């Protein structure tokens, strides 16, 4: 894969509003991926908007549902009240189970569209599966974080600032960024139906 225009993309692991678990992965001018993390008890959505305005990417890859099951707007075409086609294909969580997080993400997308930024829903768990990170205890105790970081340093086609990775949220933001990298290189895959909402990995 070629490394090009990496400043035009960011990956986001999207967390609860005040939990301090929302992470942005972005590339600096040396094409090294860096991380920004929201602060606990501070508005994660304001953090994201402020950071995105400064970083001015063209494309964002967000780990959160950006649409509802089609039955809510197209009841003649869909009958599943919990899952979209893409969720079923990727065995992802229901946007309805995630409730308020889904609503926040959909609102954030509309704000970003006003800034002429293209927003894609992504699902880092798919790349974790493809890299077989569970064999390295992905998302288990933090003591296993170093093993996953070491593996990703050799598996990913770009460099990242590994000392900044302190939790699994940075790992997922990095995998969301990787989806953006695949998009830049014409290798991204999409799952679902466009009229209902696609998931890009």
N, C-alpha and C. Protein backbone atom coordinates (compact mmCIF):
# COMPACT_ATOMS: atom_id res chain seq x y z
N UNK A 1 0.83 -1.20 0.00
CA UNK A 1 0.00 0.00 0.00
C UNK A 1 0.87 1.25 0.00
N UNK A 2 0.39 2.28 -0.69
CA UNK A 2 1.09 3.56 -0.69
C UNK A 2 0.61 4.41 0.49
N UNK A 3 1.48 5.27 0.94
CA UNK A 3 1.10 6.22 1.98
C UNK A 3 0.90 7.57 1.32
N UNK A 4 -0.32 8.06 1.33
CA UNK A 4 -0.60 9.34 0.67
C UNK A 4 -1.76 10.05 1.38
N UNK A 5 -1.69 11.35 1.41
CA UNK A 5 -2.78 12.20 1.90
C UNK A 5 -3.33 11.73 3.24
N UNK A 6 -2.47 11.23 4.12
CA UNK A 6 -2.98 10.69 5.37
C UNK A 6 -3.58 11.76 6.27
N UNK A 7 -3.20 13.02 6.06
CA UNK A 7 -3.79 14.10 6.86
C UNK A 7 -5.26 14.34 6.50
N UNK A 8 -5.70 13.75 5.39
CA UNK A 8 -7.09 13.97 4.97
C UNK A 8 -8.08 13.05 5.67
N UNK A 9 -7.58 12.13 6.48
CA UNK A 9 -8.48 11.19 7.18
C UNK A 9 -8.22 11.20 8.68
N UNK A 10 -9.25 10.90 9.44
CA UNK A 10 -9.08 10.58 10.85
C UNK A 10 -9.97 9.40 11.20
N UNK A 11 -9.57 8.67 12.22
CA UNK A 11 -10.38 7.57 12.76
C UNK A 11 -10.83 7.93 14.16
N UNK A 12 -12.04 7.57 14.52
CA UNK A 12 -12.58 7.91 15.83
C UNK A 12 -13.17 6.68 16.51
N UNK A 13 -12.71 6.44 17.74
CA UNK A 13 -13.40 5.49 18.62
C UNK A 13 -14.34 6.33 19.48
N UNK A 14 -15.63 6.12 19.33
CA UNK A 14 -16.65 7.00 19.90
C UNK A 14 -17.19 6.40 21.20
N UNK A 15 -17.06 7.14 22.29
CA UNK A 15 -17.48 6.64 23.58
C UNK A 15 -18.61 7.44 24.20
N UNK A 16 -18.96 7.10 25.43
CA UNK A 16 -19.98 7.83 26.17
C UNK A 16 -19.58 9.29 26.32
N UNK A 17 -20.57 10.16 26.45
CA UNK A 17 -20.34 11.60 26.36
C UNK A 17 -19.35 12.14 27.38
N UNK A 18 -19.40 11.63 28.61
CA UNK A 18 -18.56 12.19 29.68
C UNK A 18 -17.53 11.21 30.21
N UNK A 19 -17.37 10.08 29.54
CA UNK A 19 -16.52 9.00 30.09
C UNK A 19 -15.03 9.20 29.88
N UNK A 20 -14.66 10.11 28.96
CA UNK A 20 -13.24 10.28 28.66
C UNK A 20 -12.66 9.13 27.86
N UNK A 21 -13.50 8.50 27.04
CA UNK A 21 -13.06 7.32 26.27
C UNK A 21 -13.17 7.53 24.76
N UNK A 22 -13.45 8.75 24.32
CA UNK A 22 -13.51 9.05 22.89
C UNK A 22 -12.11 9.42 22.41
N UNK A 23 -11.67 8.77 21.33
CA UNK A 23 -10.30 8.95 20.86
C UNK A 23 -10.29 9.26 19.36
N UNK A 24 -9.47 10.24 18.99
CA UNK A 24 -9.20 10.56 17.58
C UNK A 24 -7.82 10.04 17.21
N UNK A 25 -7.72 9.35 16.09
CA UNK A 25 -6.42 8.98 15.51
C UNK A 25 -6.24 9.79 14.24
N UNK A 26 -5.12 10.49 14.13
CA UNK A 26 -4.86 11.34 12.97
C UNK A 26 -3.37 11.26 12.62
N UNK A 27 -3.03 11.63 11.41
CA UNK A 27 -1.62 11.59 10.98
C UNK A 27 -1.02 12.99 11.01
N UNK A 28 0.20 13.09 11.55
CA UNK A 28 0.90 14.37 11.52
C UNK A 28 1.61 14.54 10.17
N UNK A 29 2.37 15.60 10.02
CA UNK A 29 2.99 15.89 8.72
C UNK A 29 4.04 14.86 8.33
N UNK A 30 4.52 14.09 9.30
CA UNK A 30 5.48 13.02 9.02
C UNK A 30 4.78 11.69 8.75
N UNK A 31 3.45 11.73 8.61
CA UNK A 31 2.65 10.52 8.39
C UNK A 31 2.77 9.52 9.53
N UNK A 32 2.92 10.04 10.74
CA UNK A 32 2.90 9.19 11.94
C UNK A 32 1.58 9.44 12.64
N UNK A 33 0.85 8.37 12.93
CA UNK A 33 -0.47 8.51 13.54
C UNK A 33 -0.33 8.87 15.02
N UNK A 34 -1.06 9.91 15.41
CA UNK A 34 -1.09 10.42 16.78
C UNK A 34 -2.50 10.25 17.34
N UNK A 35 -2.65 10.50 18.63
CA UNK A 35 -3.95 10.29 19.27
C UNK A 35 -4.33 11.48 20.14
N UNK A 36 -5.61 11.82 20.13
CA UNK A 36 -6.20 12.80 21.02
C UNK A 36 -7.34 12.11 21.76
N UNK A 37 -7.43 12.32 23.07
CA UNK A 37 -8.44 11.65 23.88
C UNK A 37 -9.26 12.66 24.67
N UNK A 38 -10.56 12.46 24.71
CA UNK A 38 -11.44 13.35 25.47
C UNK A 38 -11.15 13.23 26.96
N UNK A 39 -11.51 14.27 27.70
CA UNK A 39 -11.30 14.28 29.14
C UNK A 39 -12.56 13.79 29.87
N UNK A 40 -12.35 13.06 30.94
CA UNK A 40 -13.46 12.58 31.74
C UNK A 40 -14.26 13.77 32.29
N UNK A 41 -15.59 13.62 32.28
CA UNK A 41 -16.53 14.64 32.77
C UNK A 41 -16.59 15.88 31.88
N UNK A 42 -16.00 15.79 30.69
CA UNK A 42 -16.12 16.88 29.71
C UNK A 42 -16.80 16.35 28.45
N UNK A 43 -17.52 17.23 27.76
CA UNK A 43 -18.34 16.86 26.61
C UNK A 43 -17.49 16.32 25.45
N UNK A 44 -17.64 15.03 25.18
CA UNK A 44 -16.84 14.39 24.12
C UNK A 44 -17.21 14.92 22.74
N UNK A 45 -18.47 15.30 22.55
CA UNK A 45 -18.89 15.78 21.23
C UNK A 45 -18.30 17.17 20.95
N UNK A 46 -18.24 18.01 21.96
CA UNK A 46 -17.58 19.32 21.80
C UNK A 46 -16.08 19.12 21.54
N UNK A 47 -15.47 18.19 22.27
CA UNK A 47 -14.06 17.84 22.05
C UNK A 47 -13.83 17.44 20.60
N UNK A 48 -14.71 16.60 20.08
CA UNK A 48 -14.55 16.13 18.70
C UNK A 48 -14.69 17.27 17.70
N UNK A 49 -15.72 18.08 17.85
CA UNK A 49 -15.93 19.18 16.90
C UNK A 49 -14.76 20.16 16.92
N UNK A 50 -14.30 20.50 18.11
CA UNK A 50 -13.17 21.44 18.23
C UNK A 50 -11.91 20.87 17.57
N UNK A 51 -11.64 19.59 17.83
CA UNK A 51 -10.44 18.96 17.27
C UNK A 51 -10.55 18.80 15.76
N UNK A 52 -11.72 18.43 15.29
CA UNK A 52 -11.91 18.21 13.85
C UNK A 52 -11.76 19.52 13.09
N UNK A 53 -12.26 20.61 13.65
CA UNK A 53 -12.10 21.92 13.00
C UNK A 53 -10.62 22.26 12.85
N UNK A 54 -9.82 21.94 13.87
CA UNK A 54 -8.38 22.21 13.80
C UNK A 54 -7.67 21.28 12.82
N UNK A 55 -8.07 20.02 12.81
CA UNK A 55 -7.40 19.04 11.95
C UNK A 55 -7.87 19.12 10.49
N UNK A 56 -9.06 19.66 10.28
CA UNK A 56 -9.73 19.80 8.98
C UNK A 56 -9.50 18.61 8.03
N UNK A 57 -9.94 17.40 8.44
CA UNK A 57 -9.85 16.25 7.52
C UNK A 57 -10.94 16.34 6.44
N UNK A 58 -10.78 15.54 5.40
CA UNK A 58 -11.82 15.45 4.38
C UNK A 58 -12.76 14.29 4.66
N UNK A 59 -12.22 13.26 5.32
CA UNK A 59 -13.00 12.04 5.56
C UNK A 59 -12.81 11.58 7.00
N UNK A 60 -13.90 11.19 7.64
CA UNK A 60 -13.85 10.68 9.01
C UNK A 60 -14.42 9.28 9.03
N UNK A 61 -13.75 8.40 9.75
CA UNK A 61 -14.20 7.02 9.91
C UNK A 61 -14.53 6.82 11.38
N UNK A 62 -15.83 6.72 11.66
CA UNK A 62 -16.37 6.78 13.02
C UNK A 62 -16.90 5.42 13.44
N UNK A 63 -16.43 4.96 14.60
CA UNK A 63 -16.88 3.67 15.13
C UNK A 63 -18.15 3.88 15.95
N UNK A 64 -19.27 4.07 15.24
CA UNK A 64 -20.58 4.22 15.89
C UNK A 64 -21.64 4.14 14.79
N UNK A 65 -22.83 3.66 15.13
CA UNK A 65 -23.90 3.61 14.11
C UNK A 65 -24.29 5.02 13.68
N UNK A 66 -24.46 5.18 12.37
CA UNK A 66 -24.82 6.48 11.81
C UNK A 66 -26.20 6.47 11.15
N UNK A 67 -26.94 5.40 11.38
CA UNK A 67 -28.31 5.32 10.86
C UNK A 67 -29.08 4.29 11.68
N UNK A 68 -30.40 4.31 11.52
CA UNK A 68 -31.27 3.36 12.20
C UNK A 68 -31.70 2.27 11.22
N UNK A 69 -32.20 1.15 11.73
CA UNK A 69 -32.75 0.14 10.82
C UNK A 69 -33.79 0.75 9.89
N UNK A 70 -33.79 0.28 8.66
CA UNK A 70 -34.63 0.86 7.61
C UNK A 70 -36.11 0.82 7.90
N UNK A 71 -36.55 -0.09 8.77
CA UNK A 71 -37.98 -0.24 9.04
C UNK A 71 -38.59 1.06 9.58
N UNK A 72 -37.78 1.90 10.22
CA UNK A 72 -38.32 3.13 10.82
C UNK A 72 -38.64 4.20 9.79
N UNK A 73 -38.02 4.15 8.63
CA UNK A 73 -38.31 5.13 7.58
C UNK A 73 -38.87 4.49 6.31
N UNK A 74 -38.64 3.19 6.14
CA UNK A 74 -39.11 2.47 4.94
C UNK A 74 -39.78 1.16 5.36
N UNK A 75 -40.91 1.23 6.08
CA UNK A 75 -41.53 0.01 6.61
C UNK A 75 -42.01 -0.97 5.55
N UNK A 76 -42.19 -0.49 4.32
CA UNK A 76 -42.61 -1.40 3.25
C UNK A 76 -41.44 -2.23 2.71
N UNK A 77 -40.21 -1.80 3.03
CA UNK A 77 -39.04 -2.50 2.50
C UNK A 77 -38.26 -3.29 3.55
N UNK A 78 -38.40 -2.91 4.82
CA UNK A 78 -37.64 -3.57 5.88
C UNK A 78 -38.57 -3.99 7.00
N UNK A 79 -38.17 -5.04 7.73
CA UNK A 79 -39.01 -5.51 8.83
C UNK A 79 -38.23 -5.76 10.13
N UNK A 80 -36.92 -5.48 10.13
CA UNK A 80 -36.12 -5.73 11.33
C UNK A 80 -36.02 -4.45 12.16
N UNK A 81 -36.54 -4.49 13.38
CA UNK A 81 -36.57 -3.30 14.23
C UNK A 81 -35.29 -3.11 15.03
N UNK A 82 -34.37 -4.05 14.94
CA UNK A 82 -33.15 -3.98 15.75
C UNK A 82 -31.87 -3.84 14.93
N UNK A 83 -31.81 -4.54 13.80
CA UNK A 83 -30.56 -4.58 13.04
C UNK A 83 -30.74 -4.08 11.61
N UNK A 84 -29.71 -3.44 11.10
CA UNK A 84 -29.64 -3.12 9.69
C UNK A 84 -29.00 -4.29 8.95
N UNK A 85 -29.06 -4.27 7.64
CA UNK A 85 -28.45 -5.35 6.84
C UNK A 85 -26.96 -5.44 7.16
N UNK A 86 -26.28 -4.30 7.23
CA UNK A 86 -24.85 -4.29 7.52
C UNK A 86 -24.51 -4.87 8.88
N UNK A 87 -25.35 -4.57 9.89
CA UNK A 87 -25.13 -5.12 11.23
C UNK A 87 -25.18 -6.65 11.20
N UNK A 88 -26.15 -7.16 10.47
CA UNK A 88 -26.31 -8.62 10.39
C UNK A 88 -25.12 -9.26 9.68
N UNK A 89 -24.66 -8.62 8.60
CA UNK A 89 -23.54 -9.18 7.84
C UNK A 89 -22.25 -9.21 8.66
N UNK A 90 -22.04 -8.19 9.48
CA UNK A 90 -20.80 -8.08 10.24
C UNK A 90 -20.94 -8.57 11.68
N UNK A 91 -22.18 -9.03 12.02
CA UNK A 91 -22.44 -9.49 13.39
C UNK A 91 -22.14 -8.38 14.40
N UNK A 92 -22.53 -7.16 14.04
CA UNK A 92 -22.31 -6.01 14.91
C UNK A 92 -23.47 -5.79 15.87
N UNK A 93 -23.29 -4.83 16.78
CA UNK A 93 -24.34 -4.51 17.73
C UNK A 93 -25.48 -3.75 17.05
N UNK A 94 -26.65 -3.86 17.62
CA UNK A 94 -27.80 -3.12 17.11
C UNK A 94 -27.67 -1.64 17.44
N UNK A 95 -27.96 -0.76 16.47
CA UNK A 95 -28.00 0.67 16.77
C UNK A 95 -29.01 0.99 17.87
N UNK A 96 -30.04 0.16 17.98
CA UNK A 96 -31.08 0.40 18.99
C UNK A 96 -30.57 0.05 20.39
N UNK A 97 -29.75 -0.98 20.50
CA UNK A 97 -29.18 -1.33 21.80
C UNK A 97 -28.27 -0.22 22.31
N UNK A 98 -27.61 0.47 21.38
CA UNK A 98 -26.67 1.53 21.75
C UNK A 98 -27.37 2.85 22.06
N UNK A 99 -28.64 2.95 21.69
CA UNK A 99 -29.49 4.06 22.09
C UNK A 99 -28.93 5.45 21.91
N UNK A 100 -28.64 6.10 23.05
CA UNK A 100 -28.20 7.49 23.03
C UNK A 100 -26.92 7.70 22.26
N UNK A 101 -26.02 6.73 22.27
CA UNK A 101 -24.76 6.87 21.53
C UNK A 101 -25.05 6.97 20.03
N UNK A 102 -25.99 6.16 19.56
CA UNK A 102 -26.38 6.22 18.14
C UNK A 102 -26.95 7.59 17.80
N UNK A 103 -27.82 8.11 18.66
CA UNK A 103 -28.43 9.42 18.42
C UNK A 103 -27.37 10.51 18.39
N UNK A 104 -26.42 10.46 19.31
CA UNK A 104 -25.33 11.45 19.34
C UNK A 104 -24.49 11.38 18.08
N UNK A 105 -24.18 10.16 17.64
CA UNK A 105 -23.35 9.98 16.45
C UNK A 105 -24.05 10.50 15.21
N UNK A 106 -25.35 10.25 15.11
CA UNK A 106 -26.11 10.73 13.95
C UNK A 106 -26.16 12.26 13.94
N UNK A 107 -26.31 12.86 15.12
CA UNK A 107 -26.31 14.33 15.21
C UNK A 107 -24.94 14.90 14.84
N UNK A 108 -23.89 14.24 15.34
CA UNK A 108 -22.53 14.68 15.03
C UNK A 108 -22.27 14.62 13.53
N UNK A 109 -22.74 13.57 12.89
CA UNK A 109 -22.55 13.45 11.44
C UNK A 109 -23.15 14.65 10.71
N UNK A 110 -24.35 15.07 11.12
CA UNK A 110 -24.98 16.21 10.47
C UNK A 110 -24.17 17.49 10.67
N UNK A 111 -23.58 17.66 11.85
CA UNK A 111 -22.72 18.82 12.10
C UNK A 111 -21.49 18.79 11.20
N UNK A 112 -20.94 17.61 11.00
CA UNK A 112 -19.73 17.48 10.20
C UNK A 112 -20.02 17.66 8.70
N UNK A 113 -21.17 17.21 8.28
CA UNK A 113 -21.57 17.41 6.88
C UNK A 113 -21.63 18.91 6.56
N UNK A 114 -22.10 19.70 7.54
CA UNK A 114 -22.15 21.16 7.35
C UNK A 114 -20.76 21.75 7.15
N UNK A 115 -19.74 21.05 7.64
CA UNK A 115 -18.35 21.50 7.48
C UNK A 115 -17.72 20.90 6.22
N UNK A 116 -18.55 20.27 5.37
CA UNK A 116 -18.09 19.64 4.13
C UNK A 116 -17.12 18.49 4.39
N UNK A 117 -17.38 17.76 5.47
CA UNK A 117 -16.57 16.58 5.80
C UNK A 117 -17.42 15.34 5.56
N UNK A 118 -16.85 14.39 4.87
CA UNK A 118 -17.54 13.13 4.59
C UNK A 118 -17.35 12.19 5.78
N UNK A 119 -18.44 11.62 6.27
CA UNK A 119 -18.40 10.77 7.46
C UNK A 119 -18.82 9.35 7.10
N UNK A 120 -17.97 8.40 7.43
CA UNK A 120 -18.24 6.98 7.17
C UNK A 120 -18.36 6.23 8.50
N UNK A 121 -19.33 5.35 8.58
CA UNK A 121 -19.40 4.46 9.73
C UNK A 121 -18.43 3.30 9.51
N UNK A 122 -17.61 3.02 10.52
CA UNK A 122 -16.70 1.89 10.41
C UNK A 122 -16.85 0.98 11.62
N UNK A 123 -16.19 -0.16 11.58
CA UNK A 123 -16.35 -1.17 12.64
C UNK A 123 -14.99 -1.82 12.88
N UNK A 124 -14.17 -1.23 13.77
CA UNK A 124 -12.81 -1.74 14.01
C UNK A 124 -12.73 -3.21 14.39
N UNK A 125 -13.80 -3.74 14.98
CA UNK A 125 -13.79 -5.15 15.40
C UNK A 125 -13.50 -6.08 14.23
N UNK A 126 -13.89 -5.67 13.02
CA UNK A 126 -13.64 -6.52 11.85
C UNK A 126 -12.14 -6.64 11.59
N UNK A 127 -11.41 -5.53 11.69
CA UNK A 127 -9.96 -5.61 11.48
C UNK A 127 -9.29 -6.35 12.64
N UNK A 128 -9.83 -6.21 13.82
CA UNK A 128 -9.30 -6.99 14.96
C UNK A 128 -9.46 -8.48 14.69
N UNK A 129 -10.59 -8.85 14.08
CA UNK A 129 -10.81 -10.26 13.72
C UNK A 129 -9.84 -10.70 12.64
N UNK A 130 -9.68 -9.85 11.63
CA UNK A 130 -8.81 -10.22 10.50
C UNK A 130 -7.35 -10.34 10.93
N UNK A 131 -6.94 -9.53 11.88
CA UNK A 131 -5.59 -9.62 12.42
C UNK A 131 -5.46 -10.66 13.53
N UNK A 132 -6.59 -11.31 13.84
CA UNK A 132 -6.62 -12.34 14.90
C UNK A 132 -6.09 -11.81 16.23
N UNK A 133 -6.51 -10.60 16.57
CA UNK A 133 -6.02 -9.96 17.79
C UNK A 133 -6.53 -10.64 19.06
N UNK A 134 -7.62 -11.39 18.94
CA UNK A 134 -8.10 -12.11 20.13
C UNK A 134 -7.06 -13.10 20.64
N UNK A 135 -6.26 -13.62 19.72
CA UNK A 135 -5.18 -14.53 20.13
C UNK A 135 -4.15 -13.83 21.00
N UNK A 136 -4.14 -12.48 20.94
CA UNK A 136 -3.22 -11.68 21.75
C UNK A 136 -3.95 -11.02 22.92
N UNK A 137 -5.16 -11.53 23.20
CA UNK A 137 -5.98 -11.03 24.32
C UNK A 137 -6.44 -9.59 24.12
N UNK A 138 -6.78 -9.27 22.88
CA UNK A 138 -7.36 -7.96 22.55
C UNK A 138 -8.57 -7.67 23.43
N UNK A 139 -8.57 -6.48 24.00
CA UNK A 139 -9.64 -5.98 24.87
C UNK A 139 -9.79 -6.76 26.18
N UNK A 140 -8.74 -7.47 26.55
CA UNK A 140 -8.73 -8.08 27.89
C UNK A 140 -7.96 -7.13 28.82
N UNK A 141 -7.27 -7.65 29.79
CA UNK A 141 -6.55 -6.78 30.73
C UNK A 141 -5.50 -5.93 30.00
N UNK A 142 -5.22 -4.76 30.57
CA UNK A 142 -4.28 -3.83 29.95
C UNK A 142 -2.87 -4.39 29.85
N UNK A 143 -2.57 -5.42 30.62
CA UNK A 143 -1.23 -6.00 30.54
C UNK A 143 -0.95 -6.59 29.16
N UNK A 144 -2.01 -6.87 28.40
CA UNK A 144 -1.83 -7.45 27.06
C UNK A 144 -1.74 -6.39 25.96
N UNK A 145 -1.90 -5.13 26.34
CA UNK A 145 -1.89 -4.05 25.36
C UNK A 145 -0.58 -4.02 24.58
N UNK A 146 0.53 -4.21 25.26
CA UNK A 146 1.85 -4.14 24.61
C UNK A 146 1.99 -5.19 23.51
N UNK A 147 1.44 -6.39 23.73
CA UNK A 147 1.53 -7.45 22.71
C UNK A 147 0.77 -7.05 21.45
N UNK A 148 -0.41 -6.46 21.63
CA UNK A 148 -1.21 -6.03 20.49
C UNK A 148 -0.52 -4.88 19.75
N UNK A 149 0.03 -3.94 20.51
CA UNK A 149 0.75 -2.81 19.90
C UNK A 149 1.94 -3.31 19.09
N UNK A 150 2.69 -4.21 19.65
CA UNK A 150 3.86 -4.76 18.93
C UNK A 150 3.45 -5.44 17.64
N UNK A 151 2.36 -6.19 17.70
CA UNK A 151 1.88 -6.86 16.49
C UNK A 151 1.46 -5.84 15.44
N UNK A 152 0.69 -4.83 15.86
CA UNK A 152 0.18 -3.84 14.91
C UNK A 152 1.31 -3.00 14.29
N UNK A 153 2.40 -2.83 15.02
CA UNK A 153 3.53 -2.09 14.45
C UNK A 153 4.08 -2.80 13.21
N UNK A 154 3.99 -4.11 13.19
CA UNK A 154 4.46 -4.85 12.01
C UNK A 154 3.35 -5.11 10.99
N UNK A 155 2.09 -5.13 11.45
CA UNK A 155 0.99 -5.48 10.55
C UNK A 155 0.44 -4.29 9.78
N UNK A 156 0.47 -3.10 10.37
CA UNK A 156 -0.12 -1.94 9.70
C UNK A 156 0.89 -1.29 8.74
N UNK A 157 0.40 -0.74 7.63
CA UNK A 157 1.30 -0.18 6.61
C UNK A 157 1.69 1.28 6.86
N UNK A 158 1.62 1.72 8.10
CA UNK A 158 2.03 3.08 8.45
C UNK A 158 2.50 3.06 9.90
N UNK A 159 3.16 4.13 10.31
CA UNK A 159 3.71 4.21 11.67
C UNK A 159 2.72 4.92 12.59
N UNK A 160 2.79 4.59 13.87
CA UNK A 160 1.96 5.28 14.85
C UNK A 160 2.75 5.46 16.14
N UNK A 161 2.32 6.44 16.92
CA UNK A 161 3.02 6.81 18.15
C UNK A 161 2.58 5.86 19.26
N UNK A 162 3.28 4.74 19.38
CA UNK A 162 2.86 3.69 20.31
C UNK A 162 2.85 4.11 21.78
N UNK A 163 3.77 4.99 22.26
CA UNK A 163 3.70 5.39 23.67
C UNK A 163 2.41 6.12 24.04
N UNK A 164 1.70 6.67 23.04
CA UNK A 164 0.43 7.36 23.32
C UNK A 164 -0.71 6.39 23.57
N UNK A 165 -0.52 5.12 23.26
CA UNK A 165 -1.60 4.14 23.42
C UNK A 165 -1.60 3.63 24.85
N UNK A 166 -2.63 4.05 25.59
CA UNK A 166 -2.74 3.71 27.00
C UNK A 166 -3.95 2.82 27.30
N UNK A 167 -4.83 2.66 26.31
CA UNK A 167 -6.04 1.86 26.53
C UNK A 167 -6.48 1.24 25.21
N UNK A 168 -7.49 0.38 25.28
CA UNK A 168 -8.01 -0.25 24.07
C UNK A 168 -8.74 0.76 23.19
N UNK A 169 -9.12 1.90 23.75
CA UNK A 169 -9.81 2.91 22.95
C UNK A 169 -8.87 3.49 21.88
N UNK A 170 -7.61 3.68 22.23
CA UNK A 170 -6.64 4.13 21.22
C UNK A 170 -6.43 3.07 20.14
N UNK A 171 -6.44 1.81 20.54
CA UNK A 171 -6.29 0.73 19.56
C UNK A 171 -7.44 0.76 18.56
N UNK A 172 -8.67 0.92 19.07
CA UNK A 172 -9.82 0.94 18.17
C UNK A 172 -9.81 2.18 17.28
N UNK A 173 -9.36 3.32 17.81
CA UNK A 173 -9.23 4.52 16.97
C UNK A 173 -8.20 4.28 15.86
N UNK A 174 -7.13 3.59 16.20
CA UNK A 174 -6.10 3.25 15.21
C UNK A 174 -6.68 2.35 14.13
N UNK A 175 -7.50 1.38 14.51
CA UNK A 175 -8.12 0.48 13.52
C UNK A 175 -9.16 1.23 12.69
N UNK A 176 -9.83 2.22 13.28
CA UNK A 176 -10.75 3.06 12.51
C UNK A 176 -9.96 3.89 11.49
N UNK A 177 -8.80 4.40 11.91
CA UNK A 177 -7.93 5.13 10.99
C UNK A 177 -7.48 4.21 9.85
N UNK A 178 -7.19 2.96 10.17
CA UNK A 178 -6.77 2.00 9.15
C UNK A 178 -7.85 1.83 8.08
N UNK A 179 -9.12 1.86 8.48
CA UNK A 179 -10.20 1.81 7.49
C UNK A 179 -10.09 3.01 6.55
N UNK A 180 -9.80 4.18 7.11
CA UNK A 180 -9.61 5.36 6.28
C UNK A 180 -8.43 5.21 5.34
N UNK A 181 -7.37 4.63 5.83
CA UNK A 181 -6.19 4.39 4.99
C UNK A 181 -6.55 3.48 3.82
N UNK A 182 -7.34 2.44 4.11
CA UNK A 182 -7.78 1.54 3.04
C UNK A 182 -8.66 2.29 2.02
N UNK A 183 -9.45 3.24 2.51
CA UNK A 183 -10.27 4.06 1.63
C UNK A 183 -9.39 4.86 0.68
N UNK A 184 -8.34 5.50 1.22
CA UNK A 184 -7.44 6.30 0.39
C UNK A 184 -6.78 5.47 -0.69
N UNK A 185 -6.54 4.21 -0.38
CA UNK A 185 -5.84 3.34 -1.33
C UNK A 185 -6.78 2.46 -2.16
N UNK A 186 -8.08 2.77 -2.11
CA UNK A 186 -9.04 2.05 -2.94
C UNK A 186 -9.26 0.61 -2.53
N UNK A 187 -9.02 0.30 -1.26
CA UNK A 187 -9.15 -1.09 -0.80
C UNK A 187 -10.27 -1.29 0.21
N UNK A 188 -11.02 -0.22 0.50
CA UNK A 188 -12.07 -0.33 1.51
C UNK A 188 -13.21 -1.20 1.01
N UNK A 189 -13.86 -1.88 1.94
CA UNK A 189 -15.03 -2.72 1.63
C UNK A 189 -16.24 -2.12 2.33
N UNK A 190 -17.40 -2.27 1.72
CA UNK A 190 -18.63 -1.76 2.33
C UNK A 190 -19.63 -2.90 2.50
N UNK A 191 -20.40 -2.80 3.57
CA UNK A 191 -21.39 -3.82 3.91
C UNK A 191 -22.71 -3.15 4.23
N UNK A 192 -23.79 -3.75 3.74
CA UNK A 192 -25.11 -3.21 3.99
C UNK A 192 -25.75 -2.69 2.72
N UNK A 193 -26.77 -1.86 2.88
CA UNK A 193 -27.49 -1.27 1.76
C UNK A 193 -27.45 0.25 1.89
N UNK A 194 -27.12 0.92 0.81
CA UNK A 194 -26.87 2.36 0.85
C UNK A 194 -28.06 3.13 1.41
N UNK A 195 -29.27 2.76 1.03
CA UNK A 195 -30.44 3.53 1.47
C UNK A 195 -30.70 3.36 2.96
N UNK A 196 -30.14 2.30 3.56
CA UNK A 196 -30.33 2.07 4.99
C UNK A 196 -29.12 2.54 5.81
N UNK A 197 -27.95 2.44 5.22
CA UNK A 197 -26.74 2.81 5.94
C UNK A 197 -25.65 1.77 5.77
N UNK A 198 -24.51 2.21 5.23
CA UNK A 198 -23.40 1.30 4.96
C UNK A 198 -22.39 1.33 6.11
N UNK A 199 -21.66 0.22 6.25
CA UNK A 199 -20.55 0.13 7.18
C UNK A 199 -19.31 -0.14 6.34
N UNK A 200 -18.24 0.65 6.59
CA UNK A 200 -17.03 0.61 5.76
C UNK A 200 -15.86 0.10 6.57
N UNK A 201 -15.15 -0.89 6.03
CA UNK A 201 -14.00 -1.46 6.75
C UNK A 201 -12.82 -1.70 5.79
